[in-house]
């Protein structure tokens, strides 16, 4: 059941990566230059309030500089790349090895 949950998370992260990559490619074609939007810009365009709340929660519960050290570098990366890495990690967690059939199996 846990593996299925991680496979579902992997699928959702892959869909988000495809969506972010599609948006970037549409913007690139429209502007005739390469456009790569960072995860922070996508989050800011989606909901500014939740971004500020997440930053305040990190400052309050973890450390005041934890956002700048750990999260800000991730938010500056391209959104499609971050979601692709998350999809890969979730897939690896939820991966099930094929069963060994044995020496005398047909």
PDB file of N, CA and C in Angstrom:
ATOM      1  N   UNK A   1       0.809  -1.182   0.000  1.00  0.00           N
ATOM      2  CA  UNK A   1       0.000   0.000   0.000  1.00  0.00           C
ATOM      3  C   UNK A   1       0.865   1.264   0.000  1.00  0.00           C
ATOM      4  N   UNK A   2       1.950   1.232   0.745  1.00  0.00           N
ATOM      5  CA  UNK A   2       2.849   2.377   0.776  1.00  0.00           C
ATOM      6  C   UNK A   2       3.515   2.558  -0.589  1.00  0.00           C
ATOM      7  N   UNK A   3       3.873   1.461  -1.230  1.00  0.00           N
ATOM      8  CA  UNK A   3       4.480   1.546  -2.552  1.00  0.00           C
ATOM      9  C   UNK A   3       3.526   2.160  -3.558  1.00  0.00           C
ATOM     10  N   UNK A   4       2.270   1.808  -3.456  1.00  0.00           N
ATOM     11  CA  UNK A   4       1.272   2.387  -4.356  1.00  0.00           C
ATOM     12  C   UNK A   4       1.147   3.888  -4.128  1.00  0.00           C
ATOM     13  N   UNK A   5       1.237   4.303  -2.884  1.00  0.00           N
ATOM     14  CA  UNK A   5       1.177   5.728  -2.569  1.00  0.00           C
ATOM     15  C   UNK A   5       2.353   6.471  -3.201  1.00  0.00           C
ATOM     16  N   UNK A   6       3.555   5.908  -3.098  1.00  0.00           N
ATOM     17  CA  UNK A   6       4.720   6.558  -3.686  1.00  0.00           C
ATOM     18  C   UNK A   6       4.667   6.529  -5.212  1.00  0.00           C
ATOM     19  N   UNK A   7       4.092   5.484  -5.786  1.00  0.00           N
ATOM     20  CA  UNK A   7       3.914   5.460  -7.240  1.00  0.00           C
ATOM     21  C   UNK A   7       2.927   6.534  -7.671  1.00  0.00           C
ATOM     22  N   UNK A   8       1.892   6.750  -6.884  1.00  0.00           N
ATOM     23  CA  UNK A   8       0.931   7.811  -7.186  1.00  0.00           C
ATOM     24  C   UNK A   8       1.592   9.176  -7.081  1.00  0.00           C
ATOM     25  N   UNK A   9       2.405   9.387  -6.042  1.00  0.00           N
ATOM     26  CA  UNK A   9       3.143  10.639  -5.922  1.00  0.00           C
ATOM     27  C   UNK A   9       4.088  10.837  -7.100  1.00  0.00           C
ATOM     28  N   UNK A  10       4.707   9.761  -7.555  1.00  0.00           N
ATOM     29  CA  UNK A  10       5.588   9.839  -8.710  1.00  0.00           C
ATOM     30  C   UNK A  10       4.815  10.245  -9.958  1.00  0.00           C
ATOM     31  N   UNK A  11       3.652   9.681 -10.136  1.00  0.00           N
ATOM     32  CA  UNK A  11       2.816  10.034 -11.282  1.00  0.00           C
ATOM     33  C   UNK A  11       2.403  11.497 -11.233  1.00  0.00           C
ATOM     34  N   UNK A  12       2.004  11.971 -10.055  1.00  0.00           N
ATOM     35  CA  UNK A  12       1.598  13.366  -9.918  1.00  0.00           C
ATOM     36  C   UNK A  12       2.766  14.321 -10.166  1.00  0.00           C
ATOM     37  N   UNK A  13       3.945  13.970  -9.680  1.00  0.00           N
ATOM     38  CA  UNK A  13       5.120  14.806  -9.923  1.00  0.00           C
ATOM     39  C   UNK A  13       5.493  14.802 -11.403  1.00  0.00           C
ATOM     40  N   UNK A  14       5.328  13.667 -12.073  1.00  0.00           N
ATOM     41  CA  UNK A  14       5.606  13.594 -13.500  1.00  0.00           C
ATOM     42  C   UNK A  14       4.618  14.439 -14.290  1.00  0.00           C
ATOM     43  N   UNK A  15       3.359  14.407 -13.912  1.00  0.00           N
ATOM     44  CA  UNK A  15       2.352  15.242 -14.580  1.00  0.00           C
ATOM     45  C   UNK A  15       2.667  16.720 -14.367  1.00  0.00           C
ATOM     46  N   UNK A  16       3.084  17.097 -13.160  1.00  0.00           N
ATOM     47  CA  UNK A  16       3.458  18.487 -12.890  1.00  0.00           C
ATOM     48  C   UNK A  16       4.685  18.888 -13.705  1.00  0.00           C
ATOM     49  N   UNK A  17       5.644  17.992 -13.884  1.00  0.00           N
ATOM     50  CA  UNK A  17       6.833  18.281 -14.689  1.00  0.00           C
ATOM     51  C   UNK A  17       6.448  18.480 -16.148  1.00  0.00           C
ATOM     52  N   UNK A  18       5.573  17.643 -16.656  1.00  0.00           N
ATOM     53  CA  UNK A  18       5.135  17.783 -18.042  1.00  0.00           C
ATOM     54  C   UNK A  18       4.364  19.089 -18.222  1.00  0.00           C
ATOM     55  N   UNK A  19       3.529  19.421 -17.248  1.00  0.00           N
ATOM     56  CA  UNK A  19       2.760  20.666 -17.315  1.00  0.00           C
ATOM     57  C   UNK A  19       3.692  21.878 -17.308  1.00  0.00           C
ATOM     58  N   UNK A  20       4.677  21.885 -16.401  1.00  0.00           N
ATOM     59  CA  UNK A  20       5.618  23.008 -16.323  1.00  0.00           C
ATOM     60  C   UNK A  20       6.467  23.098 -17.583  1.00  0.00           C
ATOM     61  N   UNK A  21       6.904  21.964 -18.110  1.00  0.00           N
ATOM     62  CA  UNK A  21       7.678  21.968 -19.344  1.00  0.00           C
ATOM     63  C   UNK A  21       6.862  22.450 -20.537  1.00  0.00           C
ATOM     64  N   UNK A  22       5.589  22.090 -20.570  1.00  0.00           N
ATOM     65  CA  UNK A  22       4.717  22.540 -21.648  1.00  0.00           C
ATOM     66  C   UNK A  22       4.512  24.049 -21.579  1.00  0.00           C
ATOM     67  N   UNK A  23       4.301  24.573 -20.380  1.00  0.00           N
ATOM     68  CA  UNK A  23       4.153  26.022 -20.239  1.00  0.00           C
ATOM     69  C   UNK A  23       5.419  26.753 -20.682  1.00  0.00           C
ATOM     70  N   UNK A  24       6.574  26.237 -20.294  1.00  0.00           N
ATOM     71  CA  UNK A  24       7.831  26.864 -20.707  1.00  0.00           C
ATOM     72  C   UNK A  24       8.020  26.792 -22.219  1.00  0.00           C
ATOM     73  N   UNK A  25       7.660  25.672 -22.823  1.00  0.00           N
ATOM     74  CA  UNK A  25       7.829  25.561 -24.274  1.00  0.00           C
ATOM     75  C   UNK A  25       6.865  26.482 -25.015  1.00  0.00           C
ATOM     76  N   UNK A  26       5.651  26.646 -24.524  1.00  0.00           N
ATOM     77  CA  UNK A  26       4.710  27.570 -25.153  1.00  0.00           C
ATOM     78  C   UNK A  26       5.222  29.006 -25.049  1.00  0.00           C
ATOM     79  N   UNK A  27       5.736  29.368 -23.896  1.00  0.00           N
ATOM     80  CA  UNK A  27       6.292  30.715 -23.728  1.00  0.00           C
ATOM     81  C   UNK A  27       7.536  30.910 -24.585  1.00  0.00           C
ATOM     82  N   UNK A  28       8.334  29.854 -24.755  1.00  0.00           N
ATOM     83  CA  UNK A  28       9.528  29.950 -25.591  1.00  0.00           C
ATOM     84  C   UNK A  28       9.166  30.172 -27.051  1.00  0.00           C
ATOM     85  N   UNK A  29       8.166  29.468 -27.529  1.00  0.00           N
ATOM     86  CA  UNK A  29       7.741  29.641 -28.918  1.00  0.00           C
ATOM     87  C   UNK A  29       7.133  31.026 -29.119  1.00  0.00           C
ATOM     88  N   UNK A  30       6.362  31.488 -28.137  1.00  0.00           N
ATOM     89  CA  UNK A  30       5.711  32.790 -28.263  1.00  0.00           C
ATOM     90  C   UNK A  30       6.715  33.940 -28.255  1.00  0.00           C
ATOM     91  N   UNK A  31       7.795  33.806 -27.501  1.00  0.00           N
ATOM     92  CA  UNK A  31       8.770  34.894 -27.416  1.00  0.00           C
ATOM     93  C   UNK A  31       9.973  34.696 -28.324  1.00  0.00           C
ATOM     94  N   UNK A  32      10.043  33.598 -29.035  1.00  0.00           N
ATOM     95  CA  UNK A  32      11.152  33.267 -29.946  1.00  0.00           C
ATOM     96  C   UNK A  32      12.499  33.238 -29.235  1.00  0.00           C
ATOM     97  N   UNK A  33      12.495  32.893 -27.970  1.00  0.00           N
ATOM     98  CA  UNK A  33      13.725  32.702 -27.206  1.00  0.00           C
ATOM     99  C   UNK A  33      13.428  31.667 -26.116  1.00  0.00           C
ATOM    100  N   UNK A  34      14.480  31.102 -25.571  1.00  0.00           N
ATOM    101  CA  UNK A  34      14.301  30.060 -24.566  1.00  0.00           C
ATOM    102  C   UNK A  34      13.829  30.679 -23.256  1.00  0.00           C
ATOM    103  N   UNK A  35      12.713  30.161 -22.747  1.00  0.00           N
ATOM    104  CA  UNK A  35      12.155  30.617 -21.475  1.00  0.00           C
ATOM    105  C   UNK A  35      12.096  29.418 -20.539  1.00  0.00           C
ATOM    106  N   UNK A  36      12.763  29.541 -19.396  1.00  0.00           N
ATOM    107  CA  UNK A  36      12.724  28.497 -18.372  1.00  0.00           C
ATOM    108  C   UNK A  36      12.303  29.173 -17.075  1.00  0.00           C
ATOM    109  N   UNK A  37      11.150  28.788 -16.568  1.00  0.00           N
ATOM    110  CA  UNK A  37      10.597  29.405 -15.364  1.00  0.00           C
ATOM    111  C   UNK A  37      11.002  28.602 -14.141  1.00  0.00           C
ATOM    112  N   UNK A  38      11.424  29.306 -13.112  1.00  0.00           N
ATOM    113  CA  UNK A  38      11.852  28.623 -11.889  1.00  0.00           C
ATOM    114  C   UNK A  38      10.633  28.175 -11.079  1.00  0.00           C
ATOM    115  N   UNK A  39      10.882  27.252 -10.176  1.00  0.00           N
ATOM    116  CA  UNK A  39       9.821  26.749  -9.314  1.00  0.00           C
ATOM    117  C   UNK A  39       9.275  27.864  -8.427  1.00  0.00           C
ATOM    118  N   UNK A  40      10.139  28.742  -7.970  1.00  0.00           N
ATOM    119  CA  UNK A  40       9.710  29.873  -7.147  1.00  0.00           C
ATOM    120  C   UNK A  40       8.778  30.811  -7.895  1.00  0.00           C
ATOM    121  N   UNK A  41       9.070  31.057  -9.166  1.00  0.00           N
ATOM    122  CA  UNK A  41       8.189  31.918  -9.963  1.00  0.00           C
ATOM    123  C   UNK A  41       6.831  31.263 -10.184  1.00  0.00           C
ATOM    124  N   UNK A  42       6.829  29.958 -10.450  1.00  0.00           N
ATOM    125  CA  UNK A  42       5.554  29.256 -10.604  1.00  0.00           C
ATOM    126  C   UNK A  42       4.745  29.324  -9.308  1.00  0.00           C
ATOM    127  N   UNK A  43       5.409  29.098  -8.175  1.00  0.00           N
ATOM    128  CA  UNK A  43       4.717  29.121  -6.894  1.00  0.00           C
ATOM    129  C   UNK A  43       4.199  30.529  -6.589  1.00  0.00           C
ATOM    130  N   UNK A  44       5.010  31.531  -6.910  1.00  0.00           N
ATOM    131  CA  UNK A  44       4.600  32.908  -6.670  1.00  0.00           C
ATOM    132  C   UNK A  44       3.414  33.291  -7.553  1.00  0.00           C
ATOM    133  N   UNK A  45       3.400  32.834  -8.803  1.00  0.00           N
ATOM    134  CA  UNK A  45       2.272  33.117  -9.687  1.00  0.00           C
ATOM    135  C   UNK A  45       1.020  32.366  -9.255  1.00  0.00           C
ATOM    136  N   UNK A  46       1.206  31.191  -8.664  1.00  0.00           N
ATOM    137  CA  UNK A  46       0.066  30.385  -8.245  1.00  0.00           C
ATOM    138  C   UNK A  46      -0.570  30.939  -6.973  1.00  0.00           C
ATOM    139  N   UNK A  47       0.237  31.172  -5.930  1.00  0.00           N
ATOM    140  CA  UNK A  47      -0.302  31.652  -4.664  1.00  0.00           C
ATOM    141  C   UNK A  47       0.802  32.308  -3.845  1.00  0.00           C
ATOM    142  N   UNK A  48       0.780  33.629  -3.777  1.00  0.00           N
ATOM    143  CA  UNK A  48       1.809  34.380  -3.055  1.00  0.00           C
ATOM    144  C   UNK A  48       1.682  34.174  -1.547  1.00  0.00           C
ATOM    145  N   UNK A  49       0.460  34.060  -1.067  1.00  0.00           N
ATOM    146  CA  UNK A  49       0.225  33.946   0.370  1.00  0.00           C
ATOM    147  C   UNK A  49       0.809  32.646   0.918  1.00  0.00           C
ATOM    148  N   UNK A  50       0.631  31.533   0.198  1.00  0.00           N
ATOM    149  CA  UNK A  50       1.166  30.263   0.694  1.00  0.00           C
ATOM    150  C   UNK A  50       2.694  30.249   0.677  1.00  0.00           C
ATOM    151  N   UNK A  51       3.287  30.941  -0.278  1.00  0.00           N
ATOM    152  CA  UNK A  51       4.750  31.053  -0.304  1.00  0.00           C
ATOM    153  C   UNK A  51       5.250  31.811   0.920  1.00  0.00           C
ATOM    154  N   UNK A  52       4.591  32.909   1.262  1.00  0.00           N
ATOM    155  CA  UNK A  52       4.984  33.678   2.447  1.00  0.00           C
ATOM    156  C   UNK A  52       4.731  32.885   3.728  1.00  0.00           C
ATOM    157  N   UNK A  53       3.623  32.132   3.765  1.00  0.00           N
ATOM    158  CA  UNK A  53       3.340  31.315   4.950  1.00  0.00           C
ATOM    159  C   UNK A  53       4.366  30.196   5.116  1.00  0.00           C
ATOM    160  N   UNK A  54       4.783  29.587   4.026  1.00  0.00           N
ATOM    161  CA  UNK A  54       5.791  28.526   4.108  1.00  0.00           C
ATOM    162  C   UNK A  54       7.120  29.085   4.590  1.00  0.00           C
ATOM    163  N   UNK A  55       7.489  30.252   4.102  1.00  0.00           N
ATOM    164  CA  UNK A  55       8.737  30.873   4.545  1.00  0.00           C
ATOM    165  C   UNK A  55       8.670  31.232   6.027  1.00  0.00           C
ATOM    166  N   UNK A  56       7.540  31.744   6.472  1.00  0.00           N
ATOM    167  CA  UNK A  56       7.382  32.079   7.896  1.00  0.00           C
ATOM    168  C   UNK A  56       7.389  30.822   8.760  1.00  0.00           C
ATOM    169  N   UNK A  57       6.777  29.748   8.286  1.00  0.00           N
ATOM    170  CA  UNK A  57       6.774  28.499   9.048  1.00  0.00           C
ATOM    171  C   UNK A  57       8.188  27.937   9.178  1.00  0.00           C
ATOM    172  N   UNK A  58       8.968  28.004   8.105  1.00  0.00           N
ATOM    173  CA  UNK A  58      10.356  27.539   8.187  1.00  0.00           C
ATOM    174  C   UNK A  58      11.138  28.383   9.177  1.00  0.00           C
ATOM    175  N   UNK A  59      10.930  29.694   9.155  1.00  0.00           N
ATOM    176  CA  UNK A  59      11.659  30.572  10.062  1.00  0.00           C
ATOM    177  C   UNK A  59      11.253  30.326  11.512  1.00  0.00           C
ATOM    178  N   UNK A  60       9.994  30.015  11.737  1.00  0.00           N
ATOM    179  CA  UNK A  60       9.511  29.834  13.112  1.00  0.00           C
ATOM    180  C   UNK A  60       9.850  28.457  13.671  1.00  0.00           C
ATOM    181  N   UNK A  61       9.615  27.401  12.889  1.00  0.00           N
ATOM    182  CA  UNK A  61       9.735  26.039  13.423  1.00  0.00           C
ATOM    183  C   UNK A  61      11.119  25.419  13.234  1.00  0.00           C
ATOM    184  N   UNK A  62      11.828  25.788  12.189  1.00  0.00           N
ATOM    185  CA  UNK A  62      13.115  25.131  11.939  1.00  0.00           C
ATOM    186  C   UNK A  62      14.264  26.057  12.313  1.00  0.00           C
ATOM    187  N   UNK A  63      14.486  27.081  11.505  1.00  0.00           N
ATOM    188  CA  UNK A  63      15.552  28.043  11.773  1.00  0.00           C
ATOM    189  C   UNK A  63      15.305  29.243  10.881  1.00  0.00           C
ATOM    190  N   UNK A  64      15.744  30.393  11.328  1.00  0.00           N
ATOM    191  CA  UNK A  64      15.499  31.612  10.557  1.00  0.00           C
ATOM    192  C   UNK A  64      16.194  31.587   9.196  1.00  0.00           C
ATOM    193  N   UNK A  65      17.359  30.960   9.130  1.00  0.00           N
ATOM    194  CA  UNK A  65      18.101  30.925   7.863  1.00  0.00           C
ATOM    195  C   UNK A  65      17.891  29.636   7.085  1.00  0.00           C
ATOM    196  N   UNK A  66      17.051  28.740   7.559  1.00  0.00           N
ATOM    197  CA  UNK A  66      16.842  27.456   6.868  1.00  0.00           C
ATOM    198  C   UNK A  66      16.241  27.654   5.495  1.00  0.00           C
ATOM    199  N   UNK A  67      15.380  28.626   5.349  1.00  0.00           N
ATOM    200  CA  UNK A  67      14.775  28.886   4.049  1.00  0.00           C
ATOM    201  C   UNK A  67      15.846  29.291   3.038  1.00  0.00           C
ATOM    202  N   UNK A  68      16.731  30.181   3.450  1.00  0.00           N
ATOM    203  CA  UNK A  68      17.773  30.673   2.543  1.00  0.00           C
ATOM    204  C   UNK A  68      18.787  29.582   2.208  1.00  0.00           C
ATOM    205  N   UNK A  69      19.089  28.701   3.145  1.00  0.00           N
ATOM    206  CA  UNK A  69      20.096  27.658   2.912  1.00  0.00           C
ATOM    207  C   UNK A  69      19.546  26.469   2.146  1.00  0.00           C
ATOM    208  N   UNK A  70      18.333  26.030   2.469  1.00  0.00           N
ATOM    209  CA  UNK A  70      17.837  24.769   1.927  1.00  0.00           C
ATOM    210  C   UNK A  70      16.785  24.945   0.832  1.00  0.00           C
ATOM    211  N   UNK A  71      15.848  25.842   1.016  1.00  0.00           N
ATOM    212  CA  UNK A  71      14.710  25.910   0.111  1.00  0.00           C
ATOM    213  C   UNK A  71      14.937  26.894  -1.036  1.00  0.00           C
ATOM    214  N   UNK A  72      15.548  28.015  -0.791  1.00  0.00           N
ATOM    215  CA  UNK A  72      15.752  29.019  -1.839  1.00  0.00           C
ATOM    216  C   UNK A  72      16.555  28.479  -3.028  1.00  0.00           C
ATOM    217  N   UNK A  73      17.607  27.680  -2.828  1.00  0.00           N
ATOM    218  CA  UNK A  73      18.290  27.121  -4.005  1.00  0.00           C
ATOM    219  C   UNK A  73      17.402  26.187  -4.822  1.00  0.00           C
ATOM    220  N   UNK A  74      16.503  25.463  -4.171  1.00  0.00           N
ATOM    221  CA  UNK A  74      15.593  24.575  -4.901  1.00  0.00           C
ATOM    222  C   UNK A  74      14.564  25.401  -5.673  1.00  0.00           C
ATOM    223  N   UNK A  75      14.091  26.485  -5.050  1.00  0.00           N
ATOM    224  CA  UNK A  75      13.103  27.326  -5.719  1.00  0.00           C
ATOM    225  C   UNK A  75      13.678  28.078  -6.908  1.00  0.00           C
ATOM    226  N   UNK A  76      14.988  28.224  -6.969  1.00  0.00           N
ATOM    227  CA  UNK A  76      15.596  28.922  -8.105  1.00  0.00           C
ATOM    228  C   UNK A  76      15.859  27.992  -9.291  1.00  0.00           C
ATOM    229  N   UNK A  77      15.655  26.703  -9.118  1.00  0.00           N
ATOM    230  CA  UNK A  77      15.855  25.736 -10.205  1.00  0.00           C
ATOM    231  C   UNK A  77      14.626  25.707 -11.113  1.00  0.00           C
ATOM    232  N   UNK A  78      14.803  25.250 -12.367  1.00  0.00           N
ATOM    233  CA  UNK A  78      13.641  25.132 -13.261  1.00  0.00           C
ATOM    234  C   UNK A  78      12.596  24.184 -12.690  1.00  0.00           C
ATOM    235  N   UNK A  79      11.346  24.563 -12.825  1.00  0.00           N
ATOM    236  CA  UNK A  79      10.248  23.807 -12.220  1.00  0.00           C
ATOM    237  C   UNK A  79      10.162  22.397 -12.783  1.00  0.00           C
ATOM    238  N   UNK A  80      10.324  22.259 -14.106  1.00  0.00           N
ATOM    239  CA  UNK A  80      10.203  20.925 -14.694  1.00  0.00           C
ATOM    240  C   UNK A  80      11.297  19.998 -14.193  1.00  0.00           C
ATOM    241  N   UNK A  81      12.492  20.531 -13.956  1.00  0.00           N
ATOM    242  CA  UNK A  81      13.599  19.696 -13.480  1.00  0.00           C
ATOM    243  C   UNK A  81      13.370  19.246 -12.033  1.00  0.00           C
ATOM    244  N   UNK A  82      12.856  20.128 -11.198  1.00  0.00           N
ATOM    245  CA  UNK A  82      12.589  19.774  -9.805  1.00  0.00           C
ATOM    246  C   UNK A  82      11.523  18.685  -9.739  1.00  0.00           C
ATOM    247  N   UNK A  83      10.464  18.838 -10.534  1.00  0.00           N
ATOM    248  CA  UNK A  83       9.405  17.834 -10.522  1.00  0.00           C
ATOM    249  C   UNK A  83       9.863  16.517 -11.135  1.00  0.00           C
ATOM    250  N   UNK A  84      10.747  16.559 -12.122  1.00  0.00           N
ATOM    251  CA  UNK A  84      11.285  15.315 -12.670  1.00  0.00           C
ATOM    252  C   UNK A  84      12.133  14.575 -11.638  1.00  0.00           C
ATOM    253  N   UNK A  85      12.928  15.302 -10.882  1.00  0.00           N
ATOM    254  CA  UNK A  85      13.745  14.675  -9.837  1.00  0.00           C
ATOM    255  C   UNK A  85      12.843  14.088  -8.748  1.00  0.00           C
ATOM    256  N   UNK A  86      11.809  14.823  -8.362  1.00  0.00           N
ATOM    257  CA  UNK A  86      10.865  14.288  -7.377  1.00  0.00           C
ATOM    258  C   UNK A  86      10.165  13.034  -7.895  1.00  0.00           C
ATOM    259  N   UNK A  87       9.780  13.049  -9.168  1.00  0.00           N
ATOM    260  CA  UNK A  87       9.122  11.872  -9.752  1.00  0.00           C
ATOM    261  C   UNK A  87      10.060  10.671  -9.726  1.00  0.00           C
ATOM    262  N   UNK A  88      11.323  10.887 -10.047  1.00  0.00           N
ATOM    263  CA  UNK A  88      12.291   9.795 -10.018  1.00  0.00           C
ATOM    264  C   UNK A  88      12.490   9.260  -8.606  1.00  0.00           C
ATOM    265  N   UNK A  89      12.620  10.162  -7.636  1.00  0.00           N
ATOM    266  CA  UNK A  89      12.816   9.720  -6.251  1.00  0.00           C
ATOM    267  C   UNK A  89      11.612   8.941  -5.737  1.00  0.00           C
ATOM    268  N   UNK A  90      10.412   9.430  -5.996  1.00  0.00           N
ATOM    269  CA  UNK A  90       9.215   8.712  -5.554  1.00  0.00           C
ATOM    270  C   UNK A  90       9.081   7.367  -6.261  1.00  0.00           C
ATOM    271  N   UNK A  91       9.447   7.328  -7.535  1.00  0.00           N
ATOM    272  CA  UNK A  91       9.384   6.059  -8.261  1.00  0.00           C
ATOM    273  C   UNK A  91      10.380   5.059  -7.675  1.00  0.00           C
ATOM    274  N   UNK A  92      11.582   5.534  -7.343  1.00  0.00           N
ATOM    275  CA  UNK A  92      12.583   4.650  -6.769  1.00  0.00           C
ATOM    276  C   UNK A  92      12.146   4.122  -5.410  1.00  0.00           C
ATOM    277  N   UNK A  93      11.473   4.941  -4.611  1.00  0.00           N
ATOM    278  CA  UNK A  93      10.982   4.490  -3.311  1.00  0.00           C
ATOM    279  C   UNK A  93       9.890   3.444  -3.494  1.00  0.00           C
ATOM    280  N   UNK A  94       9.006   3.660  -4.474  1.00  0.00           N
ATOM    281  CA  UNK A  94       7.894   2.754  -4.682  1.00  0.00           C
ATOM    282  C   UNK A  94       8.176   1.599  -5.617  1.00  0.00           C
ATOM    283  N   UNK A  95       9.425   1.465  -6.072  1.00  0.00           N
ATOM    284  CA  UNK A  95       9.774   0.413  -7.023  1.00  0.00           C
ATOM    285  C   UNK A  95       9.722  -0.954  -6.360  1.00  0.00           C
ATOM    286  N   UNK A  96       9.225  -1.923  -7.084  1.00  0.00           N
ATOM    287  CA  UNK A  96       9.182  -3.295  -6.597  1.00  0.00           C
ATOM    288  C   UNK A  96      10.012  -4.156  -7.543  1.00  0.00           C
ATOM    289  N   UNK A  97      10.981  -4.822  -6.997  1.00  0.00           N
ATOM    290  CA  UNK A  97      11.827  -5.683  -7.825  1.00  0.00           C
ATOM    291  C   UNK A  97      11.022  -6.840  -8.385  1.00  0.00           C
ATOM    292  N   UNK A  98      11.338  -7.245  -9.611  1.00  0.00           N
ATOM    293  CA  UNK A  98      10.653  -8.428 -10.136  1.00  0.00           C
ATOM    294  C   UNK A  98      11.037  -9.657  -9.318  1.00  0.00           C
ATOM    295  N   UNK A  99      10.083 -10.502  -9.114  1.00  0.00           N
ATOM    296  CA  UNK A  99      10.338 -11.697  -8.307  1.00  0.00           C
ATOM    297  C   UNK A  99      11.214 -12.671  -9.067  1.00  0.00           C
ATOM    298  N   UNK A 100      12.087 -13.270  -8.331  1.00  0.00           N
ATOM    299  CA  UNK A 100      12.989 -14.270  -8.919  1.00  0.00           C
ATOM    300  C   UNK A 100      12.203 -15.551  -9.107  1.00  0.00           C
ATOM    301  N   UNK A 101      12.143 -16.035 -10.349  1.00  0.00           N
ATOM    302  CA  UNK A 101      11.293 -17.184 -10.650  1.00  0.00           C
ATOM    303  C   UNK A 101      11.922 -18.502 -10.196  1.00  0.00           C
ATOM    304  N   UNK A 102      13.201 -18.544 -10.087  1.00  0.00           N
ATOM    305  CA  UNK A 102      13.852 -19.766  -9.668  1.00  0.00           C
ATOM    306  C   UNK A 102      14.601 -20.415 -10.830  1.00  0.00           C
ATOM    307  N   UNK A 103      15.370 -21.397 -10.494  1.00  0.00           N
ATOM    308  CA  UNK A 103      16.233 -22.033 -11.486  1.00  0.00           C
ATOM    309  C   UNK A 103      15.473 -22.925 -12.455  1.00  0.00           C
ATOM    310  N   UNK A 104      14.454 -23.608 -11.984  1.00  0.00           N
ATOM    311  CA  UNK A 104      13.766 -24.596 -12.820  1.00  0.00           C
ATOM    312  C   UNK A 104      12.410 -24.111 -13.292  1.00  0.00           C
ATOM    313  N   UNK A 105      12.179 -22.838 -13.313  1.00  0.00           N
ATOM    314  CA  UNK A 105      10.871 -22.348 -13.765  1.00  0.00           C
ATOM    315  C   UNK A 105      10.849 -22.207 -15.287  1.00  0.00           C
ATOM    316  N   UNK A 106       9.694 -22.326 -15.842  1.00  0.00           N
ATOM    317  CA  UNK A 106       9.560 -22.270 -17.298  1.00  0.00           C
ATOM    318  C   UNK A 106       9.274 -20.879 -17.762  1.00  0.00           C
TER     319      UNK A 106
END
